[in-house]
C-alpha atoms as a PDB file:
ATOM      1  CA  MET A   1       0.000   0.000   0.000  1.00  0.00           C
ATOM      2  CA  ASN A   2       1.200   3.480  -0.791  1.00  0.00           C
ATOM      3  CA  PRO A   3       1.664   5.290   2.570  1.00  0.00           C
ATOM      4  CA  LYS A   4       0.886   8.573   0.869  1.00  0.00           C
ATOM      5  CA  ARG A   5      -2.544   7.475  -0.353  1.00  0.00           C
ATOM      6  CA  SER A   6      -4.974  10.365  -0.551  1.00  0.00           C
ATOM      7  CA  ILE A   7      -7.641  10.895   2.043  1.00  0.00           C
ATOM      8  CA  VAL A   8      -9.357  13.813   0.331  1.00  0.00           C
ATOM      9  CA  PRO A   9     -12.961  12.877  -0.473  1.00  0.00           C
ATOM     10  CA  ALA A  10     -14.558  13.587  -3.837  1.00  0.00           C
ATOM     11  CA  ALA A  11     -17.883  13.018  -5.479  1.00  0.00           C
ATOM     12  CA  LEU A  12     -18.044  10.207  -7.967  1.00  0.00           C
ATOM     13  CA  ALA A  13     -18.933  12.564 -10.778  1.00  0.00           C
ATOM     14  CA  ALA A  14     -15.709  14.521 -10.268  1.00  0.00           C
ATOM     15  CA  ALA A  15     -13.887  11.893 -12.304  1.00  0.00           C
ATOM     16  CA  VAL A  16     -15.989  12.838 -15.303  1.00  0.00           C
ATOM     17  CA  LEU A  17     -15.089  16.488 -14.796  1.00  0.00           C
ATOM     18  CA  VAL A  18     -11.407  15.584 -14.863  1.00  0.00           C
ATOM     19  CA  ALA A  19     -11.879  13.922 -18.242  1.00  0.00           C
ATOM     20  CA  GLN A  20     -13.845  16.859 -19.599  1.00  0.00           C
ATOM     21  CA  ALA A  21     -11.368  19.410 -18.325  1.00  0.00           C
ATOM     22  CA  CYS A  22      -8.519  17.569 -20.011  1.00  0.00           C
ATOM     23  CA  ALA A  23     -10.355  17.105 -23.328  1.00  0.00           C
ATOM     24  CA  PRO A  24      -8.619  18.879 -26.214  1.00  0.00           C
ATOM     25  CA  ALA A  25     -10.199  21.787 -28.043  1.00  0.00           C
ATOM     26  CA  ARG A  26     -11.300  21.556 -31.691  1.00  0.00           C
ATOM     27  CA  GLY A  27     -10.044  18.005 -32.166  1.00  0.00           C
ATOM     28  CA  SER A  28      -6.409  18.752 -31.383  1.00  0.00           C
ATOM     29  CA  ALA A  29      -4.160  16.096 -29.879  1.00  0.00           C
ATOM     30  CA  VAL A  30      -4.581  15.314 -26.206  1.00  0.00           C
ATOM     31  CA  GLY A  31      -2.070  17.634 -24.602  1.00  0.00           C
ATOM     32  CA  VAL A  32      -2.224  16.272 -21.066  1.00  0.00           C
ATOM     33  CA  ASP A  33       0.666  14.492 -19.421  1.00  0.00           C
ATOM     34  CA  PRO A  34      -0.672  11.153 -18.050  1.00  0.00           C
ATOM     35  CA  TYR A  35       1.443  11.594 -14.939  1.00  0.00           C
ATOM     36  CA  GLU A  36      -0.129  14.970 -14.270  1.00  0.00           C
ATOM     37  CA  LEU A  37      -3.571  13.480 -14.786  1.00  0.00           C
ATOM     38  CA  GLN A  38      -2.705  10.613 -12.444  1.00  0.00           C
ATOM     39  CA  ALA A  39      -1.687  13.148  -9.818  1.00  0.00           C
ATOM     40  CA  ALA A  40      -5.068  14.851 -10.192  1.00  0.00           C
ATOM     41  CA  CYS A  41      -6.881  11.528 -10.028  1.00  0.00           C
ATOM     42  CA  GLY A  42      -4.946  10.651  -6.889  1.00  0.00           C
ATOM     43  CA  ARG A  43      -7.401  12.889  -5.059  1.00  0.00           C
ATOM     44  CA  LEU A  44     -10.347  10.981  -6.543  1.00  0.00           C
ATOM     45  CA  PRO A  45     -10.998   7.467  -5.228  1.00  0.00           C
ATOM     46  CA  PHE A  46     -13.178   6.598  -8.234  1.00  0.00           C
ATOM     47  CA  ALA A  47     -10.822   7.648 -11.043  1.00  0.00           C
ATOM     48  CA  ARG A  48      -7.551   6.058 -12.162  1.00  0.00           C
ATOM     49  CA  VAL A  49      -5.216   6.477 -15.111  1.00  0.00           C
ATOM     50  CA  VAL A  50      -4.259   3.149 -16.740  1.00  0.00           C
ATOM     51  CA  PRO A  51      -1.778   2.164 -19.474  1.00  0.00           C
ATOM     52  CA  LEU A  52      -3.279   0.638 -22.635  1.00  0.00           C
ATOM     53  CA  ASP A  53      -1.735  -1.325 -25.510  1.00  0.00           C
ATOM     54  CA  ASN A  54       1.255  -2.453 -23.460  1.00  0.00           C
ATOM     55  CA  GLY A  55       1.965   1.104 -22.433  1.00  0.00           C
ATOM     56  CA  ASP A  56       1.739   2.656 -25.904  1.00  0.00           C
ATOM     57  CA  SER A  57      -1.517   4.436 -25.007  1.00  0.00           C
ATOM     58  CA  TRP A  58      -3.332   5.414 -21.853  1.00  0.00           C
ATOM     59  CA  GLY A  59      -6.839   5.853 -20.564  1.00  0.00           C
ATOM     60  CA  LEU A  60      -8.964   6.951 -17.637  1.00  0.00           C
ATOM     61  CA  ILE A  61     -11.171   4.539 -15.674  1.00  0.00           C
ATOM     62  CA  TYR A  62     -13.893   6.066 -13.531  1.00  0.00           C
ATOM     63  CA  ALA A  63     -17.088   5.061 -11.732  1.00  0.00           C
ATOM     64  CA  ASP A  64     -20.144   7.288 -11.924  1.00  0.00           C
ATOM     65  CA  VAL A  65     -22.985   7.996  -9.518  1.00  0.00           C
ATOM     66  CA  TYR A  66     -25.255   5.465 -11.250  1.00  0.00           C
ATOM     67  CA  GLY A  67     -23.170   2.362 -10.596  1.00  0.00           C
ATOM     68  CA  LYS A  68     -21.411   2.240 -13.964  1.00  0.00           C
ATOM     69  CA  VAL A  69     -17.709   2.044 -14.752  1.00  0.00           C
ATOM     70  CA  TYR A  70     -16.194   3.568 -17.891  1.00  0.00           C
ATOM     71  CA  LEU A  71     -12.816   3.453 -19.587  1.00  0.00           C
ATOM     72  CA  LYS A  72     -11.991   6.409 -21.845  1.00  0.00           C
ATOM     73  CA  ARG A  73      -9.024   6.266 -24.183  1.00  0.00           C
ATOM     74  CA  ALA A  74      -6.900   9.337 -24.910  1.00  0.00           C
ATOM     75  CA  THR A  75      -6.609   9.783 -28.697  1.00  0.00           C
ATOM     76  CA  ASP A  76      -5.634  12.519 -31.124  1.00  0.00           C
ATOM     77  CA  ARG A  77      -9.381  13.082 -31.554  1.00  0.00           C
ATOM     78  CA  GLY A  78      -9.931  13.615 -27.849  1.00  0.00           C
ATOM     79  CA  TRP A  79     -11.436  11.247 -25.297  1.00  0.00           C
ATOM     80  CA  VAL A  80     -13.070   8.159 -26.817  1.00  0.00           C
ATOM     81  CA  ARG A  81     -15.111   5.657 -24.859  1.00  0.00           C
ATOM     82  CA  GLU A  82     -13.181   2.387 -24.986  1.00  0.00           C
ATOM     83  CA  TRP A  83     -15.223   0.137 -22.693  1.00  0.00           C
ATOM     84  CA  GLU A  84     -17.933   0.217 -20.049  1.00  0.00           C
ATOM     85  CA  VAL A  85     -19.460  -1.928 -17.308  1.00  0.00           C
ATOM     86  CA  THR A  86     -23.132  -1.114 -16.923  1.00  0.00           C
ATOM     87  CA  ASN A  87     -24.574  -4.267 -15.322  1.00  0.00           C
ATOM     88  CA  LEU A  88     -23.341  -3.873 -11.753  1.00  0.00           C
ATOM     89  CA  GLY A  89     -26.805  -3.150 -10.401  1.00  0.00           C
ATOM     90  CA  ALA A  90     -25.477  -0.952  -7.590  1.00  0.00           C
ATOM     91  CA  LYS A  91     -22.965   1.800  -6.910  1.00  0.00           C
ATOM     92  CA  VAL A  92     -19.303   0.973  -6.735  1.00  0.00           C
ATOM     93  CA  LYS A  93     -17.904   0.747  -3.221  1.00  0.00           C
ATOM     94  CA  LYS A  94     -14.322   0.683  -4.411  1.00  0.00           C
ATOM     95  CA  PHE A  95     -12.209  -0.499  -7.321  1.00  0.00           C
ATOM     96  CA  PHE A  96      -8.577  -1.545  -7.719  1.00  0.00           C
ATOM     97  CA  ILE A  97      -6.243  -1.920 -10.696  1.00  0.00           C
ATOM     98  CA  LEU A  98      -3.549  -4.576 -10.300  1.00  0.00           C
ATOM     99  CA  ASP A  99      -2.222  -7.784 -11.837  1.00  0.00           C
ATOM    100  CA  VAL A 100      -4.327 -10.243  -9.850  1.00  0.00           C
ATOM    101  CA  GLU A 101      -3.296 -13.376 -11.757  1.00  0.00           C
ATOM    102  CA  GLN A 102       0.372 -12.313 -11.958  1.00  0.00           C
ATOM    103  CA  ASP A 103       0.394 -12.967 -15.692  1.00  0.00           C
ATOM    104  CA  GLY A 104       1.593  -9.549 -16.794  1.00  0.00           C
ATOM    105  CA  VAL A 105      -1.922  -8.259 -17.527  1.00  0.00           C
ATOM    106  CA  LEU A 106      -3.616  -5.637 -15.364  1.00  0.00           C
ATOM    107  CA  ASP A 107      -7.015  -6.496 -13.913  1.00  0.00           C
ATOM    108  CA  LEU A 108      -9.854  -4.315 -12.699  1.00  0.00           C
ATOM    109  CA  VAL A 109     -11.346  -5.470  -9.384  1.00  0.00           C
ATOM    110  CA  ILE A 110     -14.739  -3.925  -8.618  1.00  0.00           C
ATOM    111  CA  ALA A 111     -16.631  -4.194  -5.333  1.00  0.00           C
ATOM    112  CA  THR A 112     -20.205  -2.907  -5.164  1.00  0.00           C
ATOM    113  CA  VAL A 113     -22.195  -1.722  -2.182  1.00  0.00           C
ATOM    114  CA  ALA A 114     -24.654  -4.551  -2.888  1.00  0.00           C
ATOM    115  CA  GLY A 115     -22.123  -7.319  -2.227  1.00  0.00           C
ATOM    116  CA  ARG A 116     -20.662  -8.147  -5.654  1.00  0.00           C
ATOM    117  CA  ILE A 117     -16.948  -8.529  -6.392  1.00  0.00           C
ATOM    118  CA  LEU A 118     -15.957  -8.785 -10.056  1.00  0.00           C
ATOM    119  CA  ILE A 119     -12.634  -9.063 -11.895  1.00  0.00           C
ATOM    120  CA  TYR A 120     -12.057  -7.940 -15.491  1.00  0.00           C
ATOM    121  CA  ARG A 121      -8.908  -8.268 -17.586  1.00  0.00           C
ATOM    122  CA  LEU A 122      -7.784  -4.978 -19.064  1.00  0.00           C
ATOM    123  CA  ASP A 123      -6.352  -6.449 -22.276  1.00  0.00           C
ATOM    124  CA  ASP A 124      -9.565  -7.956 -23.678  1.00  0.00           C
ATOM    125  CA  TYR A 125     -12.044  -6.673 -21.021  1.00  0.00           C
ATOM    126  CA  SER A 126     -13.301 -10.181 -20.262  1.00  0.00           C
ATOM    127  CA  ASN A 127     -14.947 -10.967 -16.923  1.00  0.00           C
ATOM    128  CA  THR A 128     -12.713 -13.609 -15.337  1.00  0.00           C
ATOM    129  CA  TRP A 129     -14.391 -13.994 -11.942  1.00  0.00           C
ATOM    130  CA  GLU A 130     -17.345 -12.972  -9.827  1.00  0.00           C
ATOM    131  CA  ASN A 131     -18.350 -14.032  -6.320  1.00  0.00           C
ATOM    132  CA  ILE A 132     -21.586 -15.585  -7.583  1.00  0.00           C
ATOM    133  CA  GLU A 133     -21.557 -18.254  -4.869  1.00  0.00           C
ATOM    134  CA  ASP A 134     -21.756 -15.652  -2.122  1.00  0.00           C
ATOM    135  CA  ASP A 135     -25.089 -14.299  -0.973  1.00  0.00           C
ATOM    136  CA  PHE A 136     -23.813 -11.007   0.428  1.00  0.00           C
ATOM    137  CA  THR A 137     -26.293  -8.157   0.545  1.00  0.00           C
ATOM    138  CA  SER A 138     -23.623  -5.494   1.079  1.00  0.00           C
ATOM    139  CA  ILE A 139     -19.911  -4.822   1.177  1.00  0.00           C
ATOM    140  CA  GLU A 140     -19.182  -2.169   3.759  1.00  0.00           C
ATOM    141  CA  ALA A 141     -15.386  -1.923   3.395  1.00  0.00           C
ATOM    142  CA  ILE A 142     -12.636  -3.493   1.289  1.00  0.00           C
ATOM    143  CA  ASP A 143      -8.924  -3.302   0.595  1.00  0.00           C
ATOM    144  CA  VAL A 144      -6.437  -5.389  -1.400  1.00  0.00           C
ATOM    145  CA  ALA A 145      -2.995  -6.184   0.037  1.00  0.00           C
ATOM    146  CA  ASN A 146      -0.453  -8.949   0.471  1.00  0.00           C
ATOM    147  CA  ILE A 147      -0.726  -9.812   4.151  1.00  0.00           C
ATOM    148  CA  ASP A 148       0.951 -13.240   4.281  1.00  0.00           C
ATOM    149  CA  SER A 149       4.006 -15.097   3.003  1.00  0.00           C
ATOM    150  CA  ASP A 150       2.639 -16.144  -0.387  1.00  0.00           C
ATOM    151  CA  PRO A 151       3.301 -13.928  -3.424  1.00  0.00           C
ATOM    152  CA  GLN A 152      -0.293 -13.049  -4.282  1.00  0.00           C
ATOM    153  CA  VAL A 153      -2.491 -10.409  -2.698  1.00  0.00           C
ATOM    154  CA  GLU A 154      -5.548 -11.005  -0.572  1.00  0.00           C
ATOM    155  CA  PHE A 155      -8.986  -9.408  -0.688  1.00  0.00           C
ATOM    156  CA  ILE A 156      -9.801  -8.112   2.801  1.00  0.00           C
ATOM    157  CA  PHE A 157     -13.397  -6.997   3.133  1.00  0.00           C
ATOM    158  CA  ILE A 158     -16.377  -6.678   5.439  1.00  0.00           C
ATOM    159  CA  ALA A 159     -19.596  -8.061   3.993  1.00  0.00           C
ATOM    160  CA  ASP A 160     -22.834  -8.031   5.979  1.00  0.00           C
ATOM    161  CA  GLY A 161     -20.817  -7.183   9.091  1.00  0.00           C
ATOM    162  CA  THR A 162     -18.394 -10.120   8.805  1.00  0.00           C
ATOM    163  CA  MET A 163     -14.746  -9.758   7.822  1.00  0.00           C
ATOM    164  CA  TYR A 164     -13.390 -12.078   5.128  1.00  0.00           C
ATOM    165  CA  ILE A 165      -9.841 -12.606   3.890  1.00  0.00           C
ATOM    166  CA  VAL A 166      -9.824 -14.250   0.456  1.00  0.00           C
ATOM    167  CA  ASP A 167      -6.863 -15.489  -1.592  1.00  0.00           C
ATOM    168  CA  SER A 168      -6.847 -13.597  -4.895  1.00  0.00           C
ATOM    169  CA  ILE A 169      -5.591 -16.538  -6.996  1.00  0.00           C
ATOM    170  CA  ASP A 170      -7.798 -19.479  -5.987  1.00  0.00           C
ATOM    171  CA  LYS A 171     -10.467 -17.310  -4.285  1.00  0.00           C
ATOM    172  CA  ARG A 172     -10.242 -19.470  -1.170  1.00  0.00           C
ATOM    173  CA  ARG A 173     -11.430 -17.980   2.099  1.00  0.00           C
ATOM    174  CA  GLN A 174      -8.393 -17.848   4.367  1.00  0.00           C
ATOM    175  CA  TRP A 175     -10.233 -16.433   7.363  1.00  0.00           C
ATOM    176  CA  ILE A 176     -13.741 -15.478   8.429  1.00  0.00           C
ATOM    177  CA  SER A 177     -14.288 -13.431  11.569  1.00  0.00           C
ATOM    178  CA  GLN A 178     -16.545 -14.671  14.323  1.00  0.00           C
ATOM    179  CA  ARG A 179     -17.120 -11.119  15.459  1.00  0.00           C
ATOM    180  CA  LYS A 180     -19.291  -8.599  13.658  1.00  0.00           C
ATOM    181  CA  PHE A 181     -17.841  -5.252  12.570  1.00  0.00           C
ATOM    182  CA  THR A 182     -19.530  -1.976  11.640  1.00  0.00           C
ATOM    183  CA  ALA A 183     -16.641  -0.282   9.817  1.00  0.00           C
ATOM    184  CA  THR A 184     -17.301   1.526   6.553  1.00  0.00           C
ATOM    185  CA  GLU A 185     -13.637   1.742   5.539  1.00  0.00           C
ATOM    186  CA  LEU A 186     -10.533  -0.329   6.151  1.00  0.00           C
ATOM    187  CA  ILE A 187      -6.937  -0.117   5.025  1.00  0.00           C
ATOM    188  CA  VAL A 188      -3.892  -2.353   5.472  1.00  0.00           C
ATOM    189  CA  ALA A 189      -0.599  -0.948   6.743  1.00  0.00           C
ATOM    190  CA  ASN A 190       2.157  -1.666   9.242  1.00  0.00           C
ATOM    191  CA  VAL A 191       1.523   0.858  12.006  1.00  0.00           C
ATOM    192  CA  ASP A 192       3.564  -0.651  14.836  1.00  0.00           C
ATOM    193  CA  LYS A 193       7.042  -2.108  15.359  1.00  0.00           C
ATOM    194  CA  ASP A 194       6.381  -5.754  14.458  1.00  0.00           C
ATOM    195  CA  GLU A 195       7.010  -7.110  10.952  1.00  0.00           C
ATOM    196  CA  GLN A 196       3.445  -7.970   9.975  1.00  0.00           C
ATOM    197  CA  GLN A 197       0.838  -5.567   8.754  1.00  0.00           C
ATOM    198  CA  GLU A 198      -2.353  -4.517  10.489  1.00  0.00           C
ATOM    199  CA  ILE A 199      -5.932  -4.236   9.252  1.00  0.00           C
ATOM    200  CA  ILE A 200      -7.176  -0.826  10.347  1.00  0.00           C
ATOM    201  CA  LEU A 201     -10.904  -0.189  10.652  1.00  0.00           C
ATOM    202  CA  ASN A 202     -12.232   3.354  10.729  1.00  0.00           C
ATOM    203  CA  THR A 203     -14.272   2.497  13.825  1.00  0.00           C
ATOM    204  CA  GLY A 204     -11.069   2.518  15.911  1.00  0.00           C
ATOM    205  CA  ILE A 205     -10.080  -1.159  15.684  1.00  0.00           C
ATOM    206  CA  VAL A 206      -6.646  -2.448  14.631  1.00  0.00           C
ATOM    207  CA  ILE A 207      -6.321  -6.160  13.803  1.00  0.00           C
ATOM    208  CA  ASP A 208      -3.085  -8.114  13.429  1.00  0.00           C
ATOM    209  CA  ALA A 209      -3.090  -9.321   9.800  1.00  0.00           C
ATOM    210  CA  LYS A 210      -1.069 -12.470  10.578  1.00  0.00           C
ATOM    211  CA  PHE A 211      -2.787 -13.858  13.651  1.00  0.00           C
ATOM    212  CA  TYR A 212      -6.152 -12.064  13.167  1.00  0.00           C
ATOM    213  CA  GLN A 213      -6.225 -10.875  16.756  1.00  0.00           C
ATOM    214  CA  ILE A 214      -7.321  -7.402  17.826  1.00  0.00           C
ATOM    215  CA  ASP A 215      -4.263  -5.337  18.731  1.00  0.00           C
ATOM    216  CA  LEU A 216      -6.169  -2.192  19.627  1.00  0.00           C
ATOM    217  CA  GLU A 217      -9.782  -1.192  20.163  1.00  0.00           C
ATOM    218  CA  TRP A 218      -9.978   2.516  20.779  1.00  0.00           C
ATOM    219  CA  ASP A 219     -13.092   4.122  22.246  1.00  0.00           C
ATOM    220  CA  LYS A 220     -13.378   6.645  19.383  1.00  0.00           C
ATOM    221  CA  PRO A 221     -13.539   6.238  15.610  1.00  0.00           C
ATOM    222  CA  PHE A 222     -10.405   7.108  13.665  1.00  0.00           C
ATOM    223  CA  GLY A 223     -12.467   8.906  11.025  1.00  0.00           C
ATOM    224  CA  GLU A 224     -14.687   8.229   8.046  1.00  0.00           C
ATOM    225  CA  ARG A 225     -11.810   7.993   5.561  1.00  0.00           C
ATOM    226  CA  LEU A 226      -8.376   6.624   6.400  1.00  0.00           C
ATOM    227  CA  SER A 227      -4.770   7.024   5.382  1.00  0.00           C
ATOM    228  CA  VAL A 228      -1.390   6.502   7.043  1.00  0.00           C
ATOM    229  CA  PHE A 229       1.757   8.613   7.023  1.00  0.00           C
ATOM    230  CA  ASP A 230       4.880   8.821   9.153  1.00  0.00           C
ATOM    231  CA  LEU A 231       4.377  12.344  10.448  1.00  0.00           C
ATOM    232  CA  ASN A 232       7.178  12.401  13.031  1.00  0.00           C
ATOM    233  CA  SER A 233       9.781  10.471  10.983  1.00  0.00           C
ATOM    234  CA  ASP A 234      10.163   7.701  13.565  1.00  0.00           C
ATOM    235  CA  GLY A 235       9.703   4.959  10.973  1.00  0.00           C
ATOM    236  CA  ILE A 236       6.175   4.084  12.131  1.00  0.00           C
ATOM    237  CA  PRO A 237       3.233   5.598  10.235  1.00  0.00           C
ATOM    238  CA  GLU A 238       0.415   7.265  12.127  1.00  0.00           C
ATOM    239  CA  ILE A 239      -3.240   6.779  11.208  1.00  0.00           C
ATOM    240  CA  ILE A 240      -4.799   9.843   9.613  1.00  0.00           C
ATOM    241  CA  GLY A 241      -8.575   9.870   9.843  1.00  0.00           C
ATOM    242  CA  GLU A 242     -10.735  12.372   8.029  1.00  0.00           C
ATOM    243  CA  PHE A 243     -14.335  13.169   8.927  1.00  0.00           C
ATOM    244  CA  SER A 244     -17.130  14.434   6.686  1.00  0.00           C
ATOM    245  CA  ASP A 245     -16.541  17.995   7.897  1.00  0.00           C
ATOM    246  CA  TYR A 246     -12.896  17.625   6.702  1.00  0.00           C
ATOM    247  CA  SER A 247     -11.494  17.673  10.229  1.00  0.00           C
ATOM    248  CA  LEU A 248      -8.642  15.276  10.972  1.00  0.00           C
ATOM    249  CA  ARG A 249      -7.717  12.931  13.776  1.00  0.00           C
ATOM    250  CA  ILE A 250      -4.140  11.632  14.014  1.00  0.00           C
ATOM    251  CA  PHE A 251      -3.542   8.448  16.007  1.00  0.00           C
ATOM    252  CA  ASP A 252      -0.316   6.681  16.974  1.00  0.00           C
ATOM    253  CA  VAL A 253      -1.017   2.940  17.270  1.00  0.00           C
ATOM    254  CA  TYR A 254       2.395   2.091  18.719  1.00  0.00           C
ATOM    255  CA  ALA A 255       1.978   4.641  21.542  1.00  0.00           C
ATOM    256  CA  GLN A 256      -1.779   3.981  21.645  1.00  0.00           C
ATOM    257  CA  ARG A 257      -2.632   7.648  21.876  1.00  0.00           C
ATOM    258  CA  GLU A 258      -4.194  10.420  19.865  1.00  0.00           C
ATOM    259  CA  VAL A 259      -1.465  12.720  18.596  1.00  0.00           C
ATOM    260  CA  TRP A 260      -3.629  15.647  17.514  1.00  0.00           C
END
């Protein structure tokens, strides 16, 4: 996980505005640096710049307010719709772009608020997996990270109040919590001095990602949106929680105290 991940909230439709703002005038070539656009999209959780054609081209993937996901390609004629996913049936909770199968091809992992998880290849846009055997009615929080000794990542998510850890290759459930959780966001990061990572819930709970035990249960929520950053340069990131009024709470897990 990138320790500098953004915590600034944005409306889903803002991704569309980014694309429109970067569209060229009068059919001229797209004059936007993809790295600059990626920096802008870094503030938007539902917009990501992706390489296309083995890196020869690039595009913008975004989710809209109606539960649809679009990929627009940058061309010399402006932005052209390359691909879309319109059958999700619910808004997107979160999406990730990574090489799930470790075959050199990027995949798009989509989680919806109604409990669906889907994977699409980004070379031919085929749907390679969906959790059709699950009967989840909602996914409240999700992150993707490598939390064990095998090379592939895991899907860590809360569905219908239960936390699941699922192997991304064989889709096997590695762990299911006995306890119910009410978190609406979770992230994975190493926020103490041991070697393994922690699963951080925005409700104020920190779970050891190796032994699945609760390391910390604070009596206040960390915030509605989460990030981590080493603010005091001691080598241990602090939790940065943002609330809907844009106020922040900074928490040091190792010292088990609120910093400010």
